[in-house]
Protein backbone atom coordinates (compact mmCIF):
# COMPACT_ATOMS: atom_id res chain seq x y z
CA MET A 1 0.00 0.00 0.00
CA ASN A 2 1.32 3.40 -0.98
CA VAL A 3 1.16 6.00 1.74
CA ALA A 4 1.33 9.63 0.67
CA ILE A 5 3.52 11.73 2.90
CA VAL A 6 2.33 15.29 3.18
CA LYS A 7 4.33 17.97 4.91
CA GLN A 8 2.56 19.45 7.90
CA HIS A 9 1.64 23.11 7.56
CA THR A 10 4.21 25.10 9.50
CA ARG A 11 3.65 28.43 11.14
CA PHE A 12 4.38 31.25 8.75
CA SER A 13 4.72 34.96 9.32
CA TRP A 14 6.33 37.61 7.22
CA SER A 15 7.18 41.28 6.83
CA TYR A 16 7.89 43.61 3.94
CA SER A 17 11.64 43.30 4.48
CA GLN A 18 11.37 39.49 4.41
CA LEU A 19 9.39 39.66 1.17
CA THR A 20 12.05 41.82 -0.48
CA ASP A 21 14.79 39.52 0.86
CA TYR A 22 13.02 36.47 -0.57
CA GLU A 23 12.48 38.09 -3.96
CA THR A 24 16.11 39.22 -4.05
CA CYS A 25 17.44 35.73 -3.27
CA PRO A 26 15.52 32.82 -1.64
CA LEU A 27 18.74 31.28 -0.32
CA ARG A 28 19.78 34.50 1.39
CA TRP A 29 16.28 34.84 2.90
CA TYR A 30 16.47 31.27 4.19
CA HIS A 31 19.76 31.82 6.00
CA LYS A 32 18.74 35.22 7.40
CA SER A 33 15.15 34.55 8.48
CA ILE A 34 14.59 30.79 8.76
CA ALA A 35 17.87 29.09 9.65
CA LYS A 36 19.10 32.35 11.18
CA ASP A 37 22.68 31.16 10.86
CA VAL A 38 24.05 34.32 9.27
CA LYS A 39 23.97 37.95 10.28
CA GLU A 40 24.63 40.89 8.00
CA GLU A 41 27.27 43.31 9.13
CA GLU A 42 25.91 46.78 9.71
CA SER A 43 27.15 49.10 6.98
CA SER A 44 27.65 52.84 7.25
CA PHE A 45 24.46 53.26 5.20
CA THR A 46 22.50 51.10 7.63
CA ARG A 47 23.87 53.00 10.64
CA ASP A 48 22.94 56.31 9.02
CA GLY A 49 19.43 55.02 8.38
CA HIS A 50 18.97 53.91 11.98
CA ALA A 51 20.27 57.23 13.29
CA LEU A 52 17.89 59.17 11.06
CA HIS A 53 14.92 57.05 12.14
CA ASP A 54 15.81 57.50 15.81
CA ALA A 55 16.10 61.28 15.41
CA PHE A 56 12.83 61.58 13.49
CA ASN A 57 10.94 59.33 15.93
CA ALA A 58 12.21 61.43 18.84
CA ARG A 59 11.05 64.59 17.05
CA ALA A 60 7.60 63.04 16.55
CA ARG A 61 7.49 62.43 20.32
CA GLY A 62 8.06 66.13 20.94
CA GLU A 63 11.83 66.33 21.35
CA PRO A 64 13.97 68.80 19.38
CA LEU A 65 15.34 67.43 16.14
CA ARG A 66 18.87 66.20 16.75
CA PHE A 67 22.02 67.31 14.97
CA PRO A 68 22.94 66.64 12.15
CA TYR A 69 19.29 66.39 11.06
CA THR A 70 18.14 69.85 12.16
CA HIS A 71 17.88 71.05 8.54
CA HIS A 72 14.91 68.68 8.15
CA GLU A 73 12.87 70.64 10.72
CA PRO A 74 10.62 72.20 8.00
CA ILE A 75 9.21 68.70 7.36
CA PHE A 76 7.90 68.52 10.91
CA THR A 77 6.80 72.14 10.93
CA ARG A 78 4.49 71.33 8.02
CA LEU A 79 3.27 68.12 9.62
CA ASP A 80 2.64 69.87 12.94
CA SER A 81 0.53 72.51 11.20
CA ARG A 82 -1.91 69.95 9.85
CA ARG A 83 -5.00 68.93 11.78
CA GLY A 84 -5.04 65.70 13.72
CA ASP A 85 -3.01 63.75 16.26
CA HIS A 86 0.33 62.29 15.27
CA PHE A 87 2.17 59.24 16.57
CA PRO A 88 5.77 58.04 16.21
CA GLU A 89 6.69 54.47 15.28
CA GLN A 90 3.73 52.09 15.40
CA ASN A 91 4.13 48.30 15.38
CA LEU A 92 1.08 46.66 13.83
CA ALA A 93 0.21 43.07 12.96
CA ILE A 94 -2.63 41.10 11.40
CA LYS A 95 -3.72 37.48 11.23
CA ARG A 96 -4.09 35.38 8.10
CA ASP A 97 -7.73 36.48 7.83
CA PHE A 98 -6.56 40.13 7.68
CA THR A 99 -7.94 40.96 11.14
CA PRO A 100 -5.76 42.81 13.69
CA CYS A 101 -3.77 41.07 16.40
CA ALA A 102 -0.93 41.73 18.82
CA TRP A 103 2.59 42.08 17.48
CA MET A 104 3.83 38.83 19.03
CA ALA A 105 0.56 36.87 19.08
CA ARG A 106 0.80 33.20 18.14
CA GLU A 107 -1.56 33.74 15.20
CA THR A 108 0.34 36.74 13.83
CA TRP A 109 0.75 36.44 10.05
CA PHE A 110 2.05 39.84 8.88
CA ARG A 111 3.94 42.50 10.81
CA GLY A 112 4.76 46.05 9.77
CA LYS A 113 6.16 49.21 11.30
CA ILE A 114 4.77 52.64 10.52
CA ASP A 115 7.37 55.36 11.09
CA PHE A 116 4.98 58.31 11.32
CA LEU A 117 1.20 58.30 11.63
CA LYS A 118 -1.28 61.17 11.72
CA LEU A 119 -4.99 60.62 12.34
CA ASN A 120 -7.71 63.11 11.55
CA GLY A 121 -11.21 61.67 11.72
CA PHE A 122 -11.79 59.41 8.71
CA PHE A 123 -8.37 60.21 7.25
CA ALA A 124 -4.83 59.14 8.04
CA THR A 125 -1.33 60.05 6.91
CA ILE A 126 1.46 57.47 6.93
CA ILE A 127 5.11 58.31 6.25
CA ASP A 128 8.11 56.01 6.07
CA TRP A 129 11.44 57.79 6.50
CA LYS A 130 14.13 56.76 4.01
CA SER A 131 17.80 57.71 4.02
CA GLY A 132 18.82 55.79 0.88
CA LYS A 133 18.24 56.15 -2.83
CA PRO A 134 14.68 56.52 -4.16
CA LYS A 135 12.92 53.44 -5.55
CA GLU A 136 9.76 53.16 -7.60
CA ASP A 137 8.19 50.18 -5.78
CA LEU A 138 5.18 51.19 -3.66
CA THR A 139 4.52 47.76 -2.12
CA GLN A 140 5.51 48.99 1.34
CA LEU A 141 3.00 51.83 1.19
CA LYS A 142 0.22 49.46 0.15
CA LEU A 143 1.02 47.15 3.07
CA MET A 144 1.15 49.98 5.60
CA ALA A 145 -2.23 51.24 4.39
CA ALA A 146 -3.68 47.72 4.66
CA LEU A 147 -2.44 47.44 8.24
CA MET A 148 -3.96 50.76 9.22
CA PHE A 149 -7.31 49.93 7.61
CA ALA A 150 -7.33 46.67 9.61
CA HIS A 151 -6.50 48.31 12.93
CA ASN A 152 -8.74 51.37 12.58
CA PRO A 153 -12.14 50.58 11.01
CA MET A 154 -13.08 54.28 11.10
CA ILE A 155 -10.40 55.25 8.56
CA GLU A 156 -11.66 55.58 4.99
CA ARG A 157 -8.73 57.20 3.18
CA ILE A 158 -4.97 57.12 3.78
CA SER A 159 -2.29 59.33 2.25
CA THR A 160 1.08 57.59 2.27
CA ALA A 161 4.64 58.57 1.44
CA LEU A 162 8.13 57.15 1.20
CA ALA A 163 10.14 60.19 2.26
CA TYR A 164 13.65 60.01 0.80
CA VAL A 165 14.72 62.96 2.89
CA ASN A 166 18.36 63.10 1.81
CA HIS A 167 17.26 63.45 -1.81
CA GLU A 168 14.23 65.65 -1.08
CA ILE A 169 12.04 63.19 -3.00
CA TRP A 170 8.71 61.89 -1.75
CA LYS A 171 7.01 58.92 -3.42
CA THR A 172 3.32 59.27 -2.57
CA ALA A 173 0.12 57.28 -2.99
CA THR A 174 -3.41 57.60 -1.63
CA PHE A 175 -5.59 54.60 -0.82
CA ASP A 176 -9.28 54.25 -0.06
CA ARG A 177 -10.71 51.38 1.95
CA SER A 178 -12.24 50.10 -1.28
CA ASP A 179 -8.68 49.50 -2.58
CA LEU A 180 -8.01 46.75 -0.03
CA THR A 181 -9.18 43.91 -2.27
CA GLN A 182 -6.90 45.03 -5.09
CA ILE A 183 -3.95 45.55 -2.73
CA TRP A 184 -4.10 42.00 -1.44
CA ALA A 185 -4.84 40.58 -4.90
CA GLU A 186 -1.54 42.08 -6.10
CA ILE A 187 0.55 41.06 -3.10
CA MET A 188 -0.80 37.60 -2.18
CA PRO A 189 0.78 35.71 -5.12
CA ARG A 190 4.17 37.00 -3.98
CA VAL A 191 3.53 36.02 -0.37
CA ASN A 192 2.21 32.60 -1.40
CA ALA A 193 5.41 31.95 -3.37
CA MET A 194 7.46 32.76 -0.28
CA GLU A 195 5.33 30.50 1.92
CA ARG A 196 5.57 27.62 -0.57
CA ALA A 197 9.34 27.99 -0.60
CA LYS A 198 9.41 27.55 3.17
CA LEU A 199 6.88 24.69 3.16
CA PHE A 200 8.72 22.66 0.50
CA GLU A 201 12.19 23.84 1.51
CA LYS A 202 13.06 25.24 -1.90
CA PHE A 203 15.61 28.03 -1.63
CA PRO A 204 17.54 28.39 -4.90
CA PRO A 205 20.17 31.13 -5.02
CA THR A 206 19.57 34.11 -7.26
CA PRO A 207 22.99 35.45 -8.28
CA SER A 208 23.36 39.18 -8.76
CA GLY A 209 25.78 41.99 -8.16
CA LEU A 210 24.96 41.80 -4.46
CA CYS A 211 26.87 38.49 -4.23
CA LYS A 212 30.21 40.19 -4.69
CA ARG A 213 30.19 42.46 -1.66
CA PHE A 214 27.01 42.45 0.38
CA CYS A 215 25.85 38.87 0.97
CA PRO A 216 26.68 37.17 4.29
CA VAL A 217 25.97 33.63 2.98
CA THR A 218 29.57 32.58 2.43
CA SER A 219 28.62 28.95 1.75
CA CYS A 220 26.81 29.90 -1.48
CA GLN A 221 28.50 29.01 -4.77
CA TYR A 222 28.03 32.59 -5.96
CA HIS A 223 29.47 34.32 -2.91
CA GLY A 224 32.06 36.86 -3.98
CA LYS A 225 31.33 36.20 -7.65
CA GLY A 226 27.84 37.20 -8.71
CA SER A 227 25.74 36.40 -11.73
CA GLY A 228 28.35 36.84 -14.44
CA ASP A 229 31.15 34.72 -12.96
CA THR A 230 29.66 31.31 -12.18
CA GLU A 231 27.41 29.13 -14.30
CA TRP A 232 24.11 27.91 -12.89
CA THR A 233 24.29 24.33 -11.58
C-alpha cells in the first residue's frame, strides 16, 4: 500500500523586508530569516538610516530634532501645522484572515512598522522615512495602508509617502478602503510563493551583483562572484 507523505503546515509569518529579501534571493532569505545562521554586518548606510529614524521618531514624540538632522525641521513644521493627532513608530500586525492582532501573538501572520502616523477623523497620513536612494516600488505603502485599515475601522482614506529625505524626494500614494481587495490581490501571489518555498524547503540562489560584496551567505557558490562569474548548476 502506498502512503502519501504530506508535509505538515508550518507556522508562517512575514514582513515587507522578508518579502524583499526572498524576492532578491531565496537562499539569502532562508539563512537570514529561517535558519538564522548568518547575520549581516551593519554598513555605514544602515547605521545612518537607523540614526535618522531614531532622530525623526524622537522629534515626533516632541523632542527637538537632533544634529545633524536639524535642517529637516521644516518637514515637521508642516506636519505639525496639519489637523489631527500624530504618533511616532507604530508596530502593527494582522492574522491570516486580515484581522488585527498583537505584534507577538501566536496567530500573527504579517507585521509592519509605521514610522509616522497622523490621524484626523476618517483620514490618516502614513510616512516612512528613508535615508537611501529613491525606488519606484510602492509595495511597502500598500502594506502599511492595509495594516492601518485593519487596525482602525473608522479610517476611509490614507495618504502615504516614502520620504527620501536626503534626496528631497517623496514617493506618494493615496488609498481608499475600497482599494483593499486590489492591494491584497496584487501582493498575495508574492507572499504565497514565499510560503511555498518555506513549506517545501526550496531556496535556490539568485545570483546578482549583491553576491560580490554584500551577501553574508559565504557557503553559497556565488558568494564573492555574482551572476556573471559562475554558471548555474
